């Protein structure tokens, strides 16, 4: 997380210092512990480049789902592979450390997390 966060404002993630999904999940978890409510958490995930689904296929608003224990579940994701003309453009949020892991990211279509 970036330094210098203000009171009541969730910190920005420094994606250049994150190199795998485990590190990303830990950082996201730590930041979300500071959130006041589920809506603030969803807004923060949007600001970090992970879109939170808030609409049904018919355009009606979706309420964030509650689990068995009454906890809310948020699904946030991002498409990292998109077609541009005859080629594909890859825009992952973080860069893997090893060449093999970097190669594997080229086969992914998206990134998603459930919190």
Protein backbone atom coordinates (compact mmCIF):
# COMPACT_ATOMS: atom_id res chain seq x y z
CA UNK A 1 0.00 0.00 0.00
CA UNK A 2 1.20 3.49 -0.69
CA UNK A 3 2.35 5.65 2.17
CA UNK A 4 0.63 8.81 3.40
CA UNK A 5 -2.97 7.68 3.73
CA UNK A 6 -5.36 10.13 5.34
CA UNK A 7 -7.82 9.37 8.11
CA UNK A 8 -10.99 7.83 6.70
CA UNK A 9 -9.49 7.34 3.22
CA UNK A 10 -8.50 3.83 2.17
CA UNK A 11 -4.93 3.60 0.84
CA UNK A 12 -4.07 3.20 -2.81
CA UNK A 13 -2.39 -0.03 -3.80
CA UNK A 14 1.08 0.26 -5.29
CA UNK A 15 0.63 -2.36 -8.04
CA UNK A 16 4.30 -2.07 -9.06
CA UNK A 17 5.27 -3.74 -5.75
CA UNK A 18 2.79 -6.63 -6.13
CA UNK A 19 4.00 -9.68 -8.08
CA UNK A 20 1.42 -12.43 -7.61
CA UNK A 21 -2.19 -13.06 -6.67
CA UNK A 22 -1.30 -14.01 -3.07
CA UNK A 23 0.40 -10.65 -2.47
CA UNK A 24 -2.54 -8.86 -4.11
CA UNK A 25 -5.08 -10.65 -1.91
CA UNK A 26 -3.15 -9.87 1.28
CA UNK A 27 -2.88 -6.18 0.40
CA UNK A 28 -6.55 -5.99 -0.58
CA UNK A 29 -7.58 -7.76 2.64
CA UNK A 30 -5.50 -5.37 4.77
CA UNK A 31 -6.98 -2.32 3.06
CA UNK A 32 -10.55 -3.61 3.29
CA UNK A 33 -10.17 -4.08 7.04
CA UNK A 34 -10.04 -0.29 7.23
CA UNK A 35 -13.31 0.21 5.35
CA UNK A 36 -16.39 1.45 7.21
CA UNK A 37 -18.94 -0.58 5.27
CA UNK A 38 -19.43 -2.83 2.27
CA UNK A 39 -20.29 0.04 -0.09
CA UNK A 40 -17.05 1.86 0.74
CA UNK A 41 -15.18 -1.40 0.13
CA UNK A 42 -16.86 -1.85 -3.27
CA UNK A 43 -16.08 1.76 -4.25
CA UNK A 44 -12.44 1.28 -3.23
CA UNK A 45 -12.13 -1.90 -5.33
CA UNK A 46 -13.44 0.08 -8.32
CA UNK A 47 -10.76 2.72 -7.76
CA UNK A 48 -8.05 0.04 -7.69
CA UNK A 49 -8.95 -1.10 -11.21
CA UNK A 50 -11.22 -4.01 -10.22
CA UNK A 51 -14.80 -3.55 -11.37
CA UNK A 52 -17.54 -4.59 -8.95
CA UNK A 53 -20.66 -5.92 -10.62
CA UNK A 54 -23.54 -3.64 -9.60
CA UNK A 55 -26.04 -4.37 -12.37
CA UNK A 56 -28.01 -7.40 -13.49
CA UNK A 57 -28.11 -8.29 -17.18
CA UNK A 58 -31.36 -6.30 -17.52
CA UNK A 59 -29.71 -3.16 -16.10
CA UNK A 60 -31.45 -3.31 -12.73
CA UNK A 61 -29.25 -2.66 -9.68
CA UNK A 62 -27.74 -5.65 -7.91
CA UNK A 63 -27.52 -5.68 -4.14
CA UNK A 64 -24.29 -7.07 -2.76
CA UNK A 65 -24.91 -10.70 -1.84
CA UNK A 66 -25.09 -11.96 1.74
CA UNK A 67 -23.64 -15.35 2.65
CA UNK A 68 -24.87 -17.96 5.10
CA UNK A 69 -23.41 -16.15 8.08
CA UNK A 70 -24.86 -12.79 7.07
CA UNK A 71 -21.55 -11.55 5.69
CA UNK A 72 -21.51 -9.71 2.38
CA UNK A 73 -19.67 -11.13 -0.60
CA UNK A 74 -18.16 -8.89 -3.25
CA UNK A 75 -16.94 -10.13 -6.61
CA UNK A 76 -14.47 -7.79 -8.27
CA UNK A 77 -12.74 -8.44 -11.54
CA UNK A 78 -10.93 -7.03 -14.52
CA UNK A 79 -10.48 -8.18 -18.09
CA UNK A 80 -6.77 -8.26 -18.85
CA UNK A 81 -6.89 -9.60 -22.40
CA UNK A 82 -8.71 -7.65 -25.05
CA UNK A 83 -8.68 -7.76 -28.80
CA UNK A 84 -7.28 -4.77 -30.68
CA UNK A 85 -7.48 -5.35 -34.40
CA UNK A 86 -5.70 -8.61 -35.26
CA UNK A 87 -3.79 -8.82 -31.98
CA UNK A 88 -4.39 -8.98 -28.24
CA UNK A 89 -3.40 -6.44 -25.61
CA UNK A 90 -2.63 -7.65 -22.07
CA UNK A 91 -3.00 -5.26 -19.15
CA UNK A 92 -2.55 -7.14 -15.86
CA UNK A 93 -2.57 -5.11 -12.66
CA UNK A 94 0.72 -6.61 -11.47
CA UNK A 95 3.81 -8.07 -13.13
CA UNK A 96 4.88 -11.56 -12.12
CA UNK A 97 8.47 -12.04 -10.94
CA UNK A 98 9.51 -15.17 -12.83
CA UNK A 99 9.53 -15.65 -16.61
CA UNK A 100 7.27 -18.72 -16.31
CA UNK A 101 4.71 -16.80 -14.26
CA UNK A 102 4.87 -13.93 -16.75
CA UNK A 103 4.22 -16.40 -19.57
CA UNK A 104 1.24 -17.87 -17.73
CA UNK A 105 -0.33 -14.41 -17.35
CA UNK A 106 -0.44 -14.21 -21.15
CA UNK A 107 -2.93 -17.09 -21.20
CA UNK A 108 -5.33 -15.46 -18.72
CA UNK A 109 -8.41 -13.56 -19.81
CA UNK A 110 -9.05 -11.80 -16.54
CA UNK A 111 -8.33 -11.36 -12.87
CA UNK A 112 -10.95 -11.68 -10.17
CA UNK A 113 -11.28 -11.88 -6.42
CA UNK A 114 -14.05 -12.68 -3.99
CA UNK A 115 -14.05 -10.92 -0.64
